[in-house]
Amino acid sequence: MADNDPKTVYIERRSGGGLMAIVALVALIVIAALAYTYIESNNNKNDAITTAAGKVGDAAQDVGQSAKDATDQ
């Protein structure tokens, strides 16, 4: 006996590309925020070092001027 009954074929499609795109976008935002925080932290350190160096330079200049004033008297 021949089996000529029509067969039904079900094709499953897995969706998840939308979820993956959202996860990738969130990961990108987190990485960008961390990079920005790191860069700002380094800028603040550089500004503090520059300010401290300027103060040291000013203090050295004051000491030099005081020494000059002391020798002039």
PDB file of N, CA and C in Angstrom:
ATOM      1  N   MET A   1       0.831  -1.161   0.000  1.00  0.00           N
ATOM      2  CA  MET A   1       0.000   0.000   0.000  1.00  0.00           C
ATOM      3  C   MET A   1       0.886   1.237   0.000  1.00  0.00           C
ATOM      4  N   ALA A   2       0.616   2.166  -0.842  1.00  0.00           N
ATOM      5  CA  ALA A   2       1.410   3.383  -0.989  1.00  0.00           C
ATOM      6  C   ALA A   2       0.932   4.423   0.008  1.00  0.00           C
ATOM      7  N   ASP A   3       1.901   5.153   0.493  1.00  0.00           N
ATOM      8  CA  ASP A   3       1.584   6.199   1.473  1.00  0.00           C
ATOM      9  C   ASP A   3       1.543   7.531   0.753  1.00  0.00           C
ATOM     10  N   ASN A   4       0.388   7.911   0.209  1.00  0.00           N
ATOM     11  CA  ASN A   4       0.244   9.140  -0.575  1.00  0.00           C
ATOM     12  C   ASN A   4      -0.446  10.248   0.212  1.00  0.00           C
ATOM     13  N   ASP A   5      -0.571  10.039   1.532  1.00  0.00           N
ATOM     14  CA  ASP A   5      -1.209  11.075   2.344  1.00  0.00           C
ATOM     15  C   ASP A   5      -0.287  12.294   2.417  1.00  0.00           C
ATOM     16  N   PRO A   6      -0.870  13.488   2.272  1.00  0.00           N
ATOM     17  CA  PRO A   6      -0.018  14.683   2.361  1.00  0.00           C
ATOM     18  C   PRO A   6       0.531  14.837   3.782  1.00  0.00           C
ATOM     19  N   LYS A   7       1.769  15.202   3.867  1.00  0.00           N
ATOM     20  CA  LYS A   7       2.422  15.410   5.158  1.00  0.00           C
ATOM     21  C   LYS A   7       2.499  16.915   5.420  1.00  0.00           C
ATOM     22  N   THR A   8       2.307  17.263   6.640  1.00  0.00           N
ATOM     23  CA  THR A   8       2.432  18.660   7.040  1.00  0.00           C
ATOM     24  C   THR A   8       3.826  18.862   7.629  1.00  0.00           C
ATOM     25  N   VAL A   9       4.490  19.856   7.112  1.00  0.00           N
ATOM     26  CA  VAL A   9       5.832  20.158   7.596  1.00  0.00           C
ATOM     27  C   VAL A   9       5.762  21.487   8.344  1.00  0.00           C
ATOM     28  N   TYR A  10       6.228  21.472   9.574  1.00  0.00           N
ATOM     29  CA  TYR A  10       6.270  22.684  10.389  1.00  0.00           C
ATOM     30  C   TYR A  10       7.710  23.207  10.404  1.00  0.00           C
ATOM     31  N   ILE A  11       7.834  24.483  10.135  1.00  0.00           N
ATOM     32  CA  ILE A  11       9.155  25.103  10.160  1.00  0.00           C
ATOM     33  C   ILE A  11       9.185  26.068  11.338  1.00  0.00           C
ATOM     34  N   GLU A  12      10.096  25.790  12.253  1.00  0.00           N
ATOM     35  CA  GLU A  12      10.237  26.666  13.426  1.00  0.00           C
ATOM     36  C   GLU A  12      11.250  27.746  13.117  1.00  0.00           C
ATOM     37  N   ARG A  13      10.857  28.949  13.384  1.00  0.00           N
ATOM     38  CA  ARG A  13      11.775  30.064  13.216  1.00  0.00           C
ATOM     39  C   ARG A  13      12.097  30.608  14.587  1.00  0.00           C
ATOM     40  N   ARG A  14      13.361  30.707  14.826  1.00  0.00           N
ATOM     41  CA  ARG A  14      13.779  31.228  16.124  1.00  0.00           C
ATOM     42  C   ARG A  14      14.066  32.716  15.968  1.00  0.00           C
ATOM     43  N   SER A  15      13.303  33.459  16.694  1.00  0.00           N
ATOM     44  CA  SER A  15      13.524  34.896  16.709  1.00  0.00           C
ATOM     45  C   SER A  15      14.347  35.213  17.942  1.00  0.00           C
ATOM     46  N   GLY A  16      15.062  36.223  17.918  1.00  0.00           N
ATOM     47  CA  GLY A  16      15.903  36.585  19.041  1.00  0.00           C
ATOM     48  C   GLY A  16      16.903  37.625  18.601  1.00  0.00           C
ATOM     49  N   GLY A  17      16.859  37.952  17.358  1.00  0.00           N
ATOM     50  CA  GLY A  17      17.755  38.972  16.838  1.00  0.00           C
ATOM     51  C   GLY A  17      17.482  40.324  17.473  1.00  0.00           C
ATOM     52  N   GLY A  18      16.248  40.605  17.762  1.00  0.00           N
ATOM     53  CA  GLY A  18      15.882  41.867  18.402  1.00  0.00           C
ATOM     54  C   GLY A  18      16.430  41.941  19.811  1.00  0.00           C
ATOM     55  N   LEU A  19      16.325  40.866  20.530  1.00  0.00           N
ATOM     56  CA  LEU A  19      16.836  40.814  21.898  1.00  0.00           C
ATOM     57  C   LEU A  19      18.354  40.927  21.888  1.00  0.00           C
ATOM     58  N   MET A  20      18.984  40.269  20.954  1.00  0.00           N
ATOM     59  CA  MET A  20      20.440  40.324  20.860  1.00  0.00           C
ATOM     60  C   MET A  20      20.900  41.742  20.539  1.00  0.00           C
ATOM     61  N   ALA A  21      20.169  42.437  19.695  1.00  0.00           N
ATOM     62  CA  ALA A  21      20.518  43.819  19.357  1.00  0.00           C
ATOM     63  C   ALA A  21      20.386  44.721  20.583  1.00  0.00           C
ATOM     64  N   ILE A  22      19.366  44.508  21.380  1.00  0.00           N
ATOM     65  CA  ILE A  22      19.172  45.302  22.599  1.00  0.00           C
ATOM     66  C   ILE A  22      20.299  45.043  23.588  1.00  0.00           C
ATOM     67  N   VAL A  23      20.672  43.785  23.764  1.00  0.00           N
ATOM     68  CA  VAL A  23      21.761  43.433  24.672  1.00  0.00           C
ATOM     69  C   VAL A  23      23.069  44.057  24.186  1.00  0.00           C
ATOM     70  N   ALA A  24      23.319  44.015  22.899  1.00  0.00           N
ATOM     71  CA  ALA A  24      24.536  44.607  22.335  1.00  0.00           C
ATOM     72  C   ALA A  24      24.541  46.119  22.539  1.00  0.00           C
ATOM     73  N   LEU A  25      23.399  46.762  22.370  1.00  0.00           N
ATOM     74  CA  LEU A  25      23.298  48.208  22.564  1.00  0.00           C
ATOM     75  C   LEU A  25      23.548  48.583  24.014  1.00  0.00           C
ATOM     76  N   VAL A  26      22.975  47.844  24.938  1.00  0.00           N
ATOM     77  CA  VAL A  26      23.196  48.103  26.365  1.00  0.00           C
ATOM     78  C   VAL A  26      24.668  47.910  26.714  1.00  0.00           C
ATOM     79  N   ALA A  27      25.279  46.857  26.191  1.00  0.00           N
ATOM     80  CA  ALA A  27      26.705  46.609  26.448  1.00  0.00           C
ATOM     81  C   ALA A  27      27.548  47.756  25.900  1.00  0.00           C
ATOM     82  N   LEU A  28      27.215  48.252  24.734  1.00  0.00           N
ATOM     83  CA  LEU A  28      27.946  49.366  24.137  1.00  0.00           C
ATOM     84  C   LEU A  28      27.816  50.632  24.988  1.00  0.00           C
ATOM     85  N   ILE A  29      26.630  50.884  25.493  1.00  0.00           N
ATOM     86  CA  ILE A  29      26.405  52.055  26.352  1.00  0.00           C
ATOM     87  C   ILE A  29      27.212  51.935  27.642  1.00  0.00           C
ATOM     88  N   VAL A  30      27.238  50.748  28.231  1.00  0.00           N
ATOM     89  CA  VAL A  30      28.005  50.533  29.462  1.00  0.00           C
ATOM     90  C   VAL A  30      29.494  50.743  29.202  1.00  0.00           C
ATOM     91  N   ILE A  31      29.994  50.207  28.103  1.00  0.00           N
ATOM     92  CA  ILE A  31      31.414  50.372  27.764  1.00  0.00           C
ATOM     93  C   ILE A  31      31.736  51.845  27.530  1.00  0.00           C
ATOM     94  N   ALA A  32      30.869  52.564  26.853  1.00  0.00           N
ATOM     95  CA  ALA A  32      31.094  53.992  26.601  1.00  0.00           C
ATOM     96  C   ALA A  32      31.097  54.775  27.914  1.00  0.00           C
ATOM     97  N   ALA A  33      30.189  54.447  28.825  1.00  0.00           N
ATOM     98  CA  ALA A  33      30.136  55.138  30.118  1.00  0.00           C
ATOM     99  C   ALA A  33      31.401  54.873  30.925  1.00  0.00           C
ATOM    100  N   LEU A  34      31.875  53.642  30.920  1.00  0.00           N
ATOM    101  CA  LEU A  34      33.104  53.309  31.639  1.00  0.00           C
ATOM    102  C   LEU A  34      34.307  54.026  31.031  1.00  0.00           C
ATOM    103  N   ALA A  35      34.367  54.089  29.723  1.00  0.00           N
ATOM    104  CA  ALA A  35      35.473  54.780  29.059  1.00  0.00           C
ATOM    105  C   ALA A  35      35.452  56.270  29.388  1.00  0.00           C
ATOM    106  N   TYR A  36      34.282  56.860  29.378  1.00  0.00           N
ATOM    107  CA  TYR A  36      34.155  58.289  29.715  1.00  0.00           C
ATOM    108  C   TYR A  36      34.602  58.547  31.152  1.00  0.00           C
ATOM    109  N   THR A  37      34.187  57.690  32.077  1.00  0.00           N
ATOM    110  CA  THR A  37      34.575  57.831  33.477  1.00  0.00           C
ATOM    111  C   THR A  37      36.081  57.709  33.640  1.00  0.00           C
ATOM    112  N   TYR A  38      36.683  56.764  32.940  1.00  0.00           N
ATOM    113  CA  TYR A  38      38.126  56.561  33.017  1.00  0.00           C
ATOM    114  C   TYR A  38      38.874  57.786  32.472  1.00  0.00           C
ATOM    115  N   ILE A  39      38.419  58.305  31.354  1.00  0.00           N
ATOM    116  CA  ILE A  39      39.075  59.468  30.744  1.00  0.00           C
ATOM    117  C   ILE A  39      38.943  60.691  31.647  1.00  0.00           C
ATOM    118  N   GLU A  40      37.769  60.915  32.212  1.00  0.00           N
ATOM    119  CA  GLU A  40      37.568  62.047  33.108  1.00  0.00           C
ATOM    120  C   GLU A  40      38.428  61.915  34.355  1.00  0.00           C
ATOM    121  N   SER A  41      38.572  60.711  34.858  1.00  0.00           N
ATOM    122  CA  SER A  41      39.405  60.470  36.033  1.00  0.00           C
ATOM    123  C   SER A  41      40.849  60.844  35.730  1.00  0.00           C
ATOM    124  N   ASN A  42      41.338  60.447  34.569  1.00  0.00           N
ATOM    125  CA  ASN A  42      42.711  60.795  34.183  1.00  0.00           C
ATOM    126  C   ASN A  42      42.866  62.298  33.978  1.00  0.00           C
ATOM    127  N   ASN A  43      41.865  62.945  33.409  1.00  0.00           N
ATOM    128  CA  ASN A  43      41.928  64.395  33.218  1.00  0.00           C
ATOM    129  C   ASN A  43      41.992  65.115  34.560  1.00  0.00           C
ATOM    130  N   ASN A  44      41.205  64.648  35.526  1.00  0.00           N
ATOM    131  CA  ASN A  44      41.222  65.258  36.850  1.00  0.00           C
ATOM    132  C   ASN A  44      42.584  65.085  37.511  1.00  0.00           C
ATOM    133  N   LYS A  45      43.192  63.907  37.346  1.00  0.00           N
ATOM    134  CA  LYS A  45      44.525  63.678  37.910  1.00  0.00           C
ATOM    135  C   LYS A  45      45.541  64.592  37.243  1.00  0.00           C
ATOM    136  N   ASN A  46      45.452  64.726  35.927  1.00  0.00           N
ATOM    137  CA  ASN A  46      46.380  65.597  35.212  1.00  0.00           C
ATOM    138  C   ASN A  46      46.226  67.046  35.651  1.00  0.00           C
ATOM    139  N   ASP A  47      44.983  67.481  35.843  1.00  0.00           N
ATOM    140  CA  ASP A  47      44.740  68.850  36.304  1.00  0.00           C
ATOM    141  C   ASP A  47      45.313  69.057  37.700  1.00  0.00           C
ATOM    142  N   ALA A  48      45.157  68.069  38.566  1.00  0.00           N
ATOM    143  CA  ALA A  48      45.684  68.179  39.924  1.00  0.00           C
ATOM    144  C   ALA A  48      47.207  68.234  39.908  1.00  0.00           C
ATOM    145  N   ILE A  49      47.829  67.433  39.073  1.00  0.00           N
ATOM    146  CA  ILE A  49      49.289  67.437  38.971  1.00  0.00           C
ATOM    147  C   ILE A  49      49.779  68.773  38.422  1.00  0.00           C
ATOM    148  N   THR A  50      49.096  69.287  37.427  1.00  0.00           N
ATOM    149  CA  THR A  50      49.481  70.577  36.842  1.00  0.00           C
ATOM    150  C   THR A  50      49.348  71.695  37.874  1.00  0.00           C
ATOM    151  N   THR A  51      48.281  71.687  38.637  1.00  0.00           N
ATOM    152  CA  THR A  51      48.072  72.699  39.668  1.00  0.00           C
ATOM    153  C   THR A  51      49.150  72.599  40.746  1.00  0.00           C
ATOM    154  N   ALA A  52      49.425  71.364  41.175  1.00  0.00           N
ATOM    155  CA  ALA A  52      50.446  71.174  42.211  1.00  0.00           C
ATOM    156  C   ALA A  52      51.815  71.625  41.709  1.00  0.00           C
ATOM    157  N   ALA A  53      52.141  71.312  40.482  1.00  0.00           N
ATOM    158  CA  ALA A  53      53.428  71.732  39.925  1.00  0.00           C
ATOM    159  C   ALA A  53      53.511  73.253  39.844  1.00  0.00           C
ATOM    160  N   GLY A  54      52.424  73.884  39.496  1.00  0.00           N
ATOM    161  CA  GLY A  54      52.399  75.349  39.443  1.00  0.00           C
ATOM    162  C   GLY A  54      52.613  75.952  40.819  1.00  0.00           C
ATOM    163  N   LYS A  55      51.997  75.352  41.836  1.00  0.00           N
ATOM    164  CA  LYS A  55      52.173  75.850  43.208  1.00  0.00           C
ATOM    165  C   LYS A  55      53.606  75.654  43.678  1.00  0.00           C
ATOM    166  N   VAL A  56      54.203  74.517  43.330  1.00  0.00           N
ATOM    167  CA  VAL A  56      55.602  74.278  43.696  1.00  0.00           C
ATOM    168  C   VAL A  56      56.485  75.304  43.012  1.00  0.00           C
ATOM    169  N   GLY A  57      56.215  75.588  41.758  1.00  0.00           N
ATOM    170  CA  GLY A  57      56.985  76.593  41.032  1.00  0.00           C
ATOM    171  C   GLY A  57      56.837  77.969  41.652  1.00  0.00           C
ATOM    172  N   ASP A  58      55.617  78.320  42.037  1.00  0.00           N
ATOM    173  CA  ASP A  58      55.385  79.616  42.684  1.00  0.00           C
ATOM    174  C   ASP A  58      56.117  79.700  44.020  1.00  0.00           C
ATOM    175  N   ALA A  59      56.075  78.608  44.777  1.00  0.00           N
ATOM    176  CA  ALA A  59      56.761  78.587  46.072  1.00  0.00           C
ATOM    177  C   ALA A  59      58.268  78.717  45.879  1.00  0.00           C
ATOM    178  N   ALA A  60      58.810  78.047  44.890  1.00  0.00           N
ATOM    179  CA  ALA A  60      60.248  78.143  44.620  1.00  0.00           C
ATOM    180  C   ALA A  60      60.618  79.572  44.224  1.00  0.00           C
ATOM    181  N   GLN A  61      59.767  80.194  43.466  1.00  0.00           N
ATOM    182  CA  GLN A  61      60.019  81.579  43.062  1.00  0.00           C
ATOM    183  C   GLN A  61      59.990  82.500  44.282  1.00  0.00           C
ATOM    184  N   ASP A  62      59.042  82.267  45.190  1.00  0.00           N
ATOM    185  CA  ASP A  62      58.967  83.066  46.415  1.00  0.00           C
ATOM    186  C   ASP A  62      60.218  82.886  47.266  1.00  0.00           C
ATOM    187  N   VAL A  63      60.708  81.649  47.389  1.00  0.00           N
ATOM    188  CA  VAL A  63      61.914  81.367  48.161  1.00  0.00           C
ATOM    189  C   VAL A  63      63.109  82.067  47.517  1.00  0.00           C
ATOM    190  N   GLY A  64      63.183  81.982  46.207  1.00  0.00           N
ATOM    191  CA  GLY A  64      64.268  82.646  45.491  1.00  0.00           C
ATOM    192  C   GLY A  64      64.234  84.157  45.692  1.00  0.00           C
ATOM    193  N   GLN A  65      63.037  84.721  45.643  1.00  0.00           N
ATOM    194  CA  GLN A  65      62.900  86.163  45.833  1.00  0.00           C
ATOM    195  C   GLN A  65      63.268  86.541  47.266  1.00  0.00           C
ATOM    196  N   SER A  66      62.866  85.714  48.241  1.00  0.00           N
ATOM    197  CA  SER A  66      63.219  85.977  49.630  1.00  0.00           C
ATOM    198  C   SER A  66      64.716  85.917  49.840  1.00  0.00           C
ATOM    199  N   ALA A  67      65.372  84.958  49.217  1.00  0.00           N
ATOM    200  CA  ALA A  67      66.840  84.836  49.331  1.00  0.00           C
ATOM    201  C   ALA A  67      67.509  86.044  48.710  1.00  0.00           C
ATOM    202  N   LYS A  68      66.998  86.514  47.606  1.00  0.00           N
ATOM    203  CA  LYS A  68      67.570  87.682  46.943  1.00  0.00           C
ATOM    204  C   LYS A  68      67.376  88.918  47.812  1.00  0.00           C
ATOM    205  N   ASP A  69      66.177  89.046  48.380  1.00  0.00           N
ATOM    206  CA  ASP A  69      65.899  90.184  49.254  1.00  0.00           C
ATOM    207  C   ASP A  69      66.808  90.155  50.486  1.00  0.00           C
ATOM    208  N   ALA A  70      67.071  88.963  51.018  1.00  0.00           N
ATOM    209  CA  ALA A  70      67.914  88.839  52.213  1.00  0.00           C
ATOM    210  C   ALA A  70      69.354  89.221  51.892  1.00  0.00           C
ATOM    211  N   THR A  71      69.826  88.873  50.712  1.00  0.00           N
ATOM    212  CA  THR A  71      71.211  89.223  50.365  1.00  0.00           C
ATOM    213  C   THR A  71      71.357  90.684  50.013  1.00  0.00           C
ATOM    214  N   ASP A  72      70.292  91.333  49.605  1.00  0.00           N
ATOM    215  CA  ASP A  72      70.348  92.751  49.249  1.00  0.00           C
ATOM    216  C   ASP A  72      70.435  93.628  50.487  1.00  0.00           C
ATOM    217  N   GLN A  73      70.036  93.136  51.620  1.00  0.00           N
ATOM    218  CA  GLN A  73      69.995  93.976  52.821  1.00  0.00           C
ATOM    219  C   GLN A  73      71.303  94.045  53.472  1.00  0.00           C
TER     220      GLN A  73
END
